[in-house]
Amino acid sequence: MSGSGPVADSLRTRPAGSGTVISRTGVKGSSSGSMGVTRQGHAGGNGRNGSPSNGRKKTATGKVKLWSPWKLILFSIAMGIAGSMYLTHVFQTQNTLREVQELRRDHERAHRIYTDTRRNFDRATGPSEVYRRAESMGMVTGGAMDPVIVLPK
C-alpha cells in the first residue's frame, strides 16, 4: 500500500500460494493482537506475528515441540501395521516362490516323460522297425515301385 502513517505502516501484503496474505501488525512493528487473514477470509496463523501455523507448538522454554504423545502413539501403531503388512508380504512371496519351483520341477518331469514316450513311439513306428517286422512275418520288399524313365535326347 502506498502512503504514510500508522495504518499504512501496519498493513503489509505478500503473495501466498492461493492469493495475497494481508497481515496487520501494530504501529512500529509490535506484534500485539496480530492474526493473518487471507483473501478468502479464513483466519490463519498461530496468534504470533501473523506467521502461519505449521502444526508445531512451542513449549514454555520456547523450543518447538515436534511430537505430541498421541502423534507418537499413532505413528508407532502405523509403523507396526506397515511392518506387519511387509512381513506378511515377504512370507507370501516365499510361499509363492516355493510353489513355482515345485511346479517347475513337475513340468520338467512331465517333459522328460513326454520326450521318452515320444522317442519310444518314433522307434516303434519308424521305417526301420516296420521293415524288420515285415521281414519277420515273411514279407519281401518289392523294390522300386516306379521304374526310372529315360528320355532320348
C-alpha atoms as a PDB file:
ATOM      1  CA  MET A   1       0.000   0.000   0.000  1.00  0.00           C
ATOM      2  CA  SER A   2       1.193   3.461  -0.585  1.00  0.00           C
ATOM      3  CA  GLY A   3       1.009   6.345   1.804  1.00  0.00           C
ATOM      4  CA  SER A   4       2.385   7.049   5.189  1.00  0.00           C
ATOM      5  CA  GLY A   5       1.115   6.951   8.684  1.00  0.00           C
ATOM      6  CA  PRO A   6       0.371   4.290  11.268  1.00  0.00           C
ATOM      7  CA  VAL A   7      -2.249   2.463   9.166  1.00  0.00           C
ATOM      8  CA  ALA A   8      -0.100   2.306   6.050  1.00  0.00           C
ATOM      9  CA  ASP A   9       2.908   1.154   8.062  1.00  0.00           C
ATOM     10  CA  SER A  10       0.945  -1.527   9.892  1.00  0.00           C
ATOM     11  CA  LEU A  11      -0.541  -3.246   6.784  1.00  0.00           C
ATOM     12  CA  ARG A  12       1.744  -5.473   4.807  1.00  0.00           C
ATOM     13  CA  THR A  13       0.857  -7.676   1.882  1.00  0.00           C
ATOM     14  CA  ARG A  14       2.789 -10.559   0.450  1.00  0.00           C
ATOM     15  CA  PRO A  15       1.845 -13.143  -2.177  1.00  0.00           C
ATOM     16  CA  ALA A  16       0.855 -16.608  -0.971  1.00  0.00           C
ATOM     17  CA  GLY A  17       0.046 -19.855  -2.739  1.00  0.00           C
ATOM     18  CA  SER A  18      -3.612 -19.064  -3.459  1.00  0.00           C
ATOM     19  CA  GLY A  19      -3.781 -15.289  -3.041  1.00  0.00           C
ATOM     20  CA  THR A  20      -2.382 -12.355  -1.205  1.00  0.00           C
ATOM     21  CA  VAL A  21      -1.977 -12.632   2.554  1.00  0.00           C
ATOM     22  CA  ILE A  22      -2.655  -9.454   4.466  1.00  0.00           C
ATOM     23  CA  SER A  23      -1.268  -9.271   7.950  1.00  0.00           C
ATOM     24  CA  ARG A  24      -1.727  -6.453  10.383  1.00  0.00           C
ATOM     25  CA  THR A  25       0.870  -5.578  12.954  1.00  0.00           C
ATOM     26  CA  GLY A  26       0.728  -2.816  15.472  1.00  0.00           C
ATOM     27  CA  VAL A  27       2.380   0.516  14.916  1.00  0.00           C
ATOM     28  CA  LYS A  28       6.169   0.410  14.783  1.00  0.00           C
ATOM     29  CA  GLY A  29       6.301  -3.370  14.276  1.00  0.00           C
ATOM     30  CA  SER A  30       4.755  -4.554  17.536  1.00  0.00           C
ATOM     31  CA  SER A  31       3.010  -7.866  17.359  1.00  0.00           C
ATOM     32  CA  SER A  32       0.076  -7.236  19.655  1.00  0.00           C
ATOM     33  CA  GLY A  33      -3.126  -8.866  18.502  1.00  0.00           C
ATOM     34  CA  SER A  34      -1.797  -9.970  15.138  1.00  0.00           C
ATOM     35  CA  MET A  35      -3.587 -12.646  13.150  1.00  0.00           C
ATOM     36  CA  GLY A  36      -3.042 -13.311   9.450  1.00  0.00           C
ATOM     37  CA  VAL A  37      -6.127 -13.070   7.230  1.00  0.00           C
ATOM     38  CA  THR A  38      -6.215 -14.433   3.716  1.00  0.00           C
ATOM     39  CA  ARG A  39      -8.168 -13.068   0.807  1.00  0.00           C
ATOM     40  CA  GLN A  40     -10.840 -15.746   1.315  1.00  0.00           C
ATOM     41  CA  GLY A  41     -11.448 -14.506   4.839  1.00  0.00           C
ATOM     42  CA  HIS A  42     -10.066 -17.505   6.695  1.00  0.00           C
ATOM     43  CA  ALA A  43      -8.024 -16.753   9.757  1.00  0.00           C
ATOM     44  CA  GLY A  44      -4.526 -18.199   9.615  1.00  0.00           C
ATOM     45  CA  GLY A  45      -1.507 -18.063  11.827  1.00  0.00           C
ATOM     46  CA  ASN A  46      -0.762 -19.214  15.301  1.00  0.00           C
ATOM     47  CA  GLY A  47      -1.523 -15.947  17.017  1.00  0.00           C
ATOM     48  CA  ARG A  48       2.055 -14.662  16.979  1.00  0.00           C
ATOM     49  CA  ASN A  49       3.442 -12.220  14.456  1.00  0.00           C
ATOM     50  CA  GLY A  50       0.909 -13.324  11.875  1.00  0.00           C
ATOM     51  CA  SER A  51       3.094 -16.248  10.860  1.00  0.00           C
ATOM     52  CA  PRO A  52       1.214 -19.277   9.606  1.00  0.00           C
ATOM     53  CA  SER A  53       0.951 -22.306  11.862  1.00  0.00           C
ATOM     54  CA  ASN A  54       2.681 -25.459  10.693  1.00  0.00           C
ATOM     55  CA  GLY A  55       1.241 -27.705  13.393  1.00  0.00           C
ATOM     56  CA  ARG A  56       4.159 -27.319  15.795  1.00  0.00           C
ATOM     57  CA  LYS A  57       3.717 -25.913  19.256  1.00  0.00           C
ATOM     58  CA  LYS A  58       6.267 -24.053  21.296  1.00  0.00           C
ATOM     59  CA  THR A  59       6.950 -25.172  24.824  1.00  0.00           C
ATOM     60  CA  ALA A  60       7.375 -22.856  27.787  1.00  0.00           C
ATOM     61  CA  THR A  61      11.118 -22.656  27.129  1.00  0.00           C
ATOM     62  CA  GLY A  62      10.496 -21.533  23.536  1.00  0.00           C
ATOM     63  CA  LYS A  63      11.595 -24.746  21.855  1.00  0.00           C
ATOM     64  CA  VAL A  64       9.436 -26.236  19.130  1.00  0.00           C
ATOM     65  CA  LYS A  65       7.698 -29.441  20.202  1.00  0.00           C
ATOM     66  CA  LEU A  66       7.750 -31.896  17.287  1.00  0.00           C
ATOM     67  CA  TRP A  67       5.866 -34.915  18.645  1.00  0.00           C
ATOM     68  CA  SER A  68       2.938 -34.881  20.992  1.00  0.00           C
ATOM     69  CA  PRO A  69       2.240 -38.161  22.810  1.00  0.00           C
ATOM     70  CA  TRP A  70      -0.825 -39.068  20.748  1.00  0.00           C
ATOM     71  CA  LYS A  71       1.041 -38.400  17.493  1.00  0.00           C
ATOM     72  CA  LEU A  72       3.865 -40.657  18.660  1.00  0.00           C
ATOM     73  CA  ILE A  73       1.374 -43.412  19.567  1.00  0.00           C
ATOM     74  CA  LEU A  74      -0.414 -43.130  16.213  1.00  0.00           C
ATOM     75  CA  PHE A  75       2.902 -43.133  14.375  1.00  0.00           C
ATOM     76  CA  SER A  76       4.027 -46.242  16.289  1.00  0.00           C
ATOM     77  CA  ILE A  77       0.763 -48.043  15.504  1.00  0.00           C
ATOM     78  CA  ALA A  78       1.008 -47.085  11.816  1.00  0.00           C
ATOM     79  CA  MET A  79       4.614 -48.307  11.655  1.00  0.00           C
ATOM     80  CA  GLY A  80       3.600 -51.568  13.379  1.00  0.00           C
ATOM     81  CA  ILE A  81       0.806 -52.136  10.856  1.00  0.00           C
ATOM     82  CA  ALA A  82       3.131 -51.308   7.956  1.00  0.00           C
ATOM     83  CA  GLY A  83       5.791 -53.681   9.318  1.00  0.00           C
ATOM     84  CA  SER A  84       3.253 -56.434   9.800  1.00  0.00           C
ATOM     85  CA  MET A  85       1.979 -55.981   6.244  1.00  0.00           C
ATOM     86  CA  TYR A  86       5.563 -56.080   4.928  1.00  0.00           C
ATOM     87  CA  LEU A  87       6.397 -59.296   6.787  1.00  0.00           C
ATOM     88  CA  THR A  88       3.146 -60.900   5.594  1.00  0.00           C
ATOM     89  CA  HIS A  89       4.059 -59.940   2.030  1.00  0.00           C
ATOM     90  CA  VAL A  90       7.548 -61.422   2.406  1.00  0.00           C
ATOM     91  CA  PHE A  91       6.215 -64.743   3.729  1.00  0.00           C
ATOM     92  CA  GLN A  92       3.581 -64.946   0.994  1.00  0.00           C
ATOM     93  CA  THR A  93       6.250 -64.248  -1.628  1.00  0.00           C
ATOM     94  CA  GLN A  94       8.439 -67.035  -0.219  1.00  0.00           C
ATOM     95  CA  ASN A  95       5.491 -69.462  -0.300  1.00  0.00           C
ATOM     96  CA  THR A  96       4.699 -68.465  -3.883  1.00  0.00           C
ATOM     97  CA  LEU A  97       8.336 -68.990  -4.882  1.00  0.00           C
ATOM     98  CA  ARG A  98       8.290 -72.443  -3.297  1.00  0.00           C
ATOM     99  CA  GLU A  99       5.103 -73.323  -5.226  1.00  0.00           C
ATOM    100  CA  VAL A 100       6.583 -72.021  -8.503  1.00  0.00           C
ATOM    101  CA  GLN A 101       9.738 -74.100  -8.013  1.00  0.00           C
ATOM    102  CA  GLU A 102       7.653 -77.208  -7.279  1.00  0.00           C
ATOM    103  CA  LEU A 103       5.537 -76.612 -10.394  1.00  0.00           C
ATOM    104  CA  ARG A 104       8.690 -76.125 -12.472  1.00  0.00           C
ATOM    105  CA  ARG A 105      10.078 -79.471 -11.228  1.00  0.00           C
ATOM    106  CA  ASP A 106       6.747 -81.144 -12.060  1.00  0.00           C
ATOM    107  CA  HIS A 107       6.787 -79.604 -15.526  1.00  0.00           C
ATOM    108  CA  GLU A 108      10.360 -80.743 -16.182  1.00  0.00           C
ATOM    109  CA  ARG A 109       9.494 -84.275 -15.004  1.00  0.00           C
ATOM    110  CA  ALA A 110       6.423 -84.366 -17.274  1.00  0.00           C
ATOM    111  CA  HIS A 111       8.503 -83.046 -20.186  1.00  0.00           C
ATOM    112  CA  ARG A 112      11.102 -85.814 -19.694  1.00  0.00           C
ATOM    113  CA  ILE A 113       8.351 -88.454 -19.618  1.00  0.00           C
ATOM    114  CA  TYR A 114       6.800 -86.997 -22.767  1.00  0.00           C
ATOM    115  CA  THR A 115      10.160 -86.909 -24.560  1.00  0.00           C
ATOM    116  CA  ASP A 116      10.920 -90.542 -23.619  1.00  0.00           C
ATOM    117  CA  THR A 117       7.451 -91.677 -24.703  1.00  0.00           C
ATOM    118  CA  ARG A 118       7.717 -89.793 -27.989  1.00  0.00           C
ATOM    119  CA  ARG A 119      11.140 -91.313 -28.682  1.00  0.00           C
ATOM    120  CA  ASN A 120       9.803 -94.823 -27.986  1.00  0.00           C
ATOM    121  CA  PHE A 121       6.804 -94.209 -30.246  1.00  0.00           C
ATOM    122  CA  ASP A 122       9.036 -92.917 -33.053  1.00  0.00           C
ATOM    123  CA  ARG A 123      11.250 -96.009 -32.734  1.00  0.00           C
ATOM    124  CA  ALA A 124       8.233 -98.309 -32.814  1.00  0.00           C
ATOM    125  CA  THR A 125       6.681 -96.667 -35.878  1.00  0.00           C
ATOM    126  CA  GLY A 126       9.824 -95.713 -37.788  1.00  0.00           C
ATOM    127  CA  PRO A 127      10.686 -97.234 -41.204  1.00  0.00           C
ATOM    128  CA  SER A 128      13.444 -99.497 -39.903  1.00  0.00           C
ATOM    129  CA  GLU A 129      11.108-101.107 -37.360  1.00  0.00           C
ATOM    130  CA  VAL A 130       8.338-101.530 -39.930  1.00  0.00           C
ATOM    131  CA  TYR A 131      10.761-103.241 -42.382  1.00  0.00           C
ATOM    132  CA  ARG A 132      12.119-105.515 -39.633  1.00  0.00           C
ATOM    133  CA  ARG A 133       8.607-106.628 -38.609  1.00  0.00           C
ATOM    134  CA  ALA A 134       7.583-107.169 -42.211  1.00  0.00           C
ATOM    135  CA  GLU A 135      10.622-109.388 -42.839  1.00  0.00           C
ATOM    136  CA  SER A 136       9.900-111.360 -39.648  1.00  0.00           C
ATOM    137  CA  MET A 137       6.407-112.040 -40.995  1.00  0.00           C
ATOM    138  CA  GLY A 138       7.850-113.334 -44.278  1.00  0.00           C
ATOM    139  CA  MET A 139       7.200-110.369 -46.492  1.00  0.00           C
ATOM    140  CA  VAL A 140       9.629-109.372 -49.223  1.00  0.00           C
ATOM    141  CA  THR A 141      10.419-105.863 -50.365  1.00  0.00           C
ATOM    142  CA  GLY A 142       9.048-105.113 -53.816  1.00  0.00           C
ATOM    143  CA  GLY A 143      11.918-102.931 -54.881  1.00  0.00           C
ATOM    144  CA  ALA A 144      11.378 -99.603 -56.524  1.00  0.00           C
ATOM    145  CA  MET A 145       7.728 -99.076 -57.365  1.00  0.00           C
ATOM    146  CA  ASP A 146       8.222 -96.754 -60.311  1.00  0.00           C
ATOM    147  CA  PRO A 147      10.893 -97.557 -62.851  1.00  0.00           C
ATOM    148  CA  VAL A 148      13.174 -94.779 -63.943  1.00  0.00           C
ATOM    149  CA  ILE A 149      12.155 -93.307 -67.297  1.00  0.00           C
ATOM    150  CA  VAL A 150      14.998 -92.336 -69.561  1.00  0.00           C
ATOM    151  CA  LEU A 151      14.172 -89.841 -72.316  1.00  0.00           C
ATOM    152  CA  PRO A 152      16.203 -89.857 -75.554  1.00  0.00           C
ATOM    153  CA  LYS A 153      17.915 -86.646 -76.482  1.00  0.00           C
END
